[in-house]
Amino acid sequence: MAEFEPEEHELSLLLQACRISDTLDRLQESIDAGEVIVTSPQGTRANPAIVEFRQQAITLAKCMAALNIKDVPDDGRGAQG
């Protein structure tokens, strides 16, 4: 495996990717504890955490692509990137 010596902009992207990953973990916990469909004063709709999870996952994928990270090993939780 080649060594990865990130440049300053890559360090910034890597930090952002880590933060997004942490956010995804918290959102998943919220989703697991709640309902898929929620009722609000605006009517019945998808749980907002699911919508945000999708957006954060897209952003994480973009960070990983910018870092040219193609394969992420299984972290033991069943999720692979």
C-alpha atoms as a PDB file:
ATOM      1  CA  MET A   1       0.000   0.000   0.000  1.00  0.00           C
ATOM      2  CA  ALA A   2       1.392   3.382  -0.968  1.00  0.00           C
ATOM      3  CA  GLU A   3       1.921   5.982   1.736  1.00  0.00           C
ATOM      4  CA  PHE A   4      -0.542   8.828   1.853  1.00  0.00           C
ATOM      5  CA  GLU A   5       1.068  12.160   2.610  1.00  0.00           C
ATOM      6  CA  PRO A   6      -1.809  14.619   2.378  1.00  0.00           C
ATOM      7  CA  GLU A   7      -1.363  18.203   1.337  1.00  0.00           C
ATOM      8  CA  GLU A   8      -3.087  21.012   3.257  1.00  0.00           C
ATOM      9  CA  HIS A   9      -6.268  20.957   1.147  1.00  0.00           C
ATOM     10  CA  GLU A  10      -6.428  17.173   1.475  1.00  0.00           C
ATOM     11  CA  LEU A  11      -6.119  17.419   5.255  1.00  0.00           C
ATOM     12  CA  SER A  12      -9.059  19.793   5.234  1.00  0.00           C
ATOM     13  CA  LEU A  13     -11.122  17.377   3.122  1.00  0.00           C
ATOM     14  CA  LEU A  14     -10.108  14.461   5.332  1.00  0.00           C
ATOM     15  CA  LEU A  15     -11.172  16.340   8.468  1.00  0.00           C
ATOM     16  CA  GLN A  16     -14.491  17.207   6.835  1.00  0.00           C
ATOM     17  CA  ALA A  17     -14.999  13.569   5.814  1.00  0.00           C
ATOM     18  CA  CYS A  18     -14.401  12.464   9.411  1.00  0.00           C
ATOM     19  CA  ARG A  19     -16.889  15.014  10.723  1.00  0.00           C
ATOM     20  CA  ILE A  20     -19.475  13.937   8.163  1.00  0.00           C
ATOM     21  CA  SER A  21     -18.944  10.308   9.122  1.00  0.00           C
ATOM     22  CA  ASP A  22     -19.568  11.183  12.780  1.00  0.00           C
ATOM     23  CA  THR A  23     -22.718  13.086  11.785  1.00  0.00           C
ATOM     24  CA  LEU A  24     -23.920  10.096   9.784  1.00  0.00           C
ATOM     25  CA  ASP A  25     -23.469   7.888  12.847  1.00  0.00           C
ATOM     26  CA  ARG A  26     -25.573  10.259  14.974  1.00  0.00           C
ATOM     27  CA  LEU A  27     -28.232  10.552  12.283  1.00  0.00           C
ATOM     28  CA  GLN A  28     -28.405   6.768  11.968  1.00  0.00           C
ATOM     29  CA  GLU A  29     -28.954   6.466  15.717  1.00  0.00           C
ATOM     30  CA  SER A  30     -31.787   8.989  15.447  1.00  0.00           C
ATOM     31  CA  ILE A  31     -33.320   7.140  12.508  1.00  0.00           C
ATOM     32  CA  ASP A  32     -33.065   3.798  14.312  1.00  0.00           C
ATOM     33  CA  ALA A  33     -34.811   5.256  17.374  1.00  0.00           C
ATOM     34  CA  GLY A  34     -37.595   6.959  15.419  1.00  0.00           C
ATOM     35  CA  GLU A  35     -40.105   6.440  12.679  1.00  0.00           C
ATOM     36  CA  VAL A  36     -39.521   6.503   8.931  1.00  0.00           C
ATOM     37  CA  ILE A  37     -42.654   8.595   8.377  1.00  0.00           C
ATOM     38  CA  VAL A  38     -43.494  11.429  10.770  1.00  0.00           C
ATOM     39  CA  THR A  39     -46.524  13.643  11.181  1.00  0.00           C
ATOM     40  CA  SER A  40     -45.899  17.342  11.587  1.00  0.00           C
ATOM     41  CA  PRO A  41     -48.033  20.477  11.342  1.00  0.00           C
ATOM     42  CA  GLN A  42     -47.093  20.494   7.638  1.00  0.00           C
ATOM     43  CA  GLY A  43     -48.489  16.961   7.188  1.00  0.00           C
ATOM     44  CA  THR A  44     -47.090  13.460   6.863  1.00  0.00           C
ATOM     45  CA  ARG A  45     -43.569  13.275   5.504  1.00  0.00           C
ATOM     46  CA  ALA A  46     -40.299  11.378   5.662  1.00  0.00           C
ATOM     47  CA  ASN A  47     -38.336  11.635   8.873  1.00  0.00           C
ATOM     48  CA  PRO A  48     -36.088  14.706   8.395  1.00  0.00           C
ATOM     49  CA  ALA A  49     -33.127  12.691   9.716  1.00  0.00           C
ATOM     50  CA  ILE A  50     -33.441  10.356   6.717  1.00  0.00           C
ATOM     51  CA  VAL A  51     -33.373  13.275   4.308  1.00  0.00           C
ATOM     52  CA  GLU A  52     -30.337  14.770   6.054  1.00  0.00           C
ATOM     53  CA  PHE A  53     -28.621  11.368   6.145  1.00  0.00           C
ATOM     54  CA  ARG A  54     -28.949  11.127   2.370  1.00  0.00           C
ATOM     55  CA  GLN A  55     -27.492  14.615   1.883  1.00  0.00           C
ATOM     56  CA  GLN A  56     -24.592  13.956   4.243  1.00  0.00           C
ATOM     57  CA  ALA A  57     -23.864  10.624   2.532  1.00  0.00           C
ATOM     58  CA  ILE A  58     -23.681  12.400  -0.836  1.00  0.00           C
ATOM     59  CA  THR A  59     -21.321  14.994   0.614  1.00  0.00           C
ATOM     60  CA  LEU A  60     -19.128  12.274   2.133  1.00  0.00           C
ATOM     61  CA  ALA A  61     -18.938  10.503  -1.219  1.00  0.00           C
ATOM     62  CA  LYS A  62     -17.819  13.761  -2.836  1.00  0.00           C
ATOM     63  CA  CYS A  63     -15.110  14.249  -0.198  1.00  0.00           C
ATOM     64  CA  MET A  64     -13.888  10.699  -0.704  1.00  0.00           C
ATOM     65  CA  ALA A  65     -13.853  11.176  -4.485  1.00  0.00           C
ATOM     66  CA  ALA A  66     -11.899  14.422  -4.108  1.00  0.00           C
ATOM     67  CA  LEU A  67      -9.369  12.525  -1.991  1.00  0.00           C
ATOM     68  CA  ASN A  68      -9.336   9.743  -4.594  1.00  0.00           C
ATOM     69  CA  ILE A  69     -10.322   7.173  -1.958  1.00  0.00           C
ATOM     70  CA  LYS A  70     -12.023   4.348  -3.814  1.00  0.00           C
ATOM     71  CA  ASP A  71     -12.152   1.461  -1.359  1.00  0.00           C
ATOM     72  CA  VAL A  72     -12.801   1.820   2.335  1.00  0.00           C
ATOM     73  CA  PRO A  73     -12.305  -1.327   4.409  1.00  0.00           C
ATOM     74  CA  ASP A  74     -15.243  -2.639   6.419  1.00  0.00           C
ATOM     75  CA  ASP A  75     -15.186  -0.973   9.834  1.00  0.00           C
ATOM     76  CA  GLY A  76     -16.893  -3.895  11.530  1.00  0.00           C
ATOM     77  CA  ARG A  77     -20.268  -2.172  11.681  1.00  0.00           C
ATOM     78  CA  GLY A  78     -21.400  -3.513   8.326  1.00  0.00           C
ATOM     79  CA  ALA A  79     -20.986  -0.247   6.443  1.00  0.00           C
ATOM     80  CA  GLN A  80     -18.660   0.047   3.493  1.00  0.00           C
ATOM     81  CA  GLY A  81     -17.910   3.147   1.467  1.00  0.00           C
END
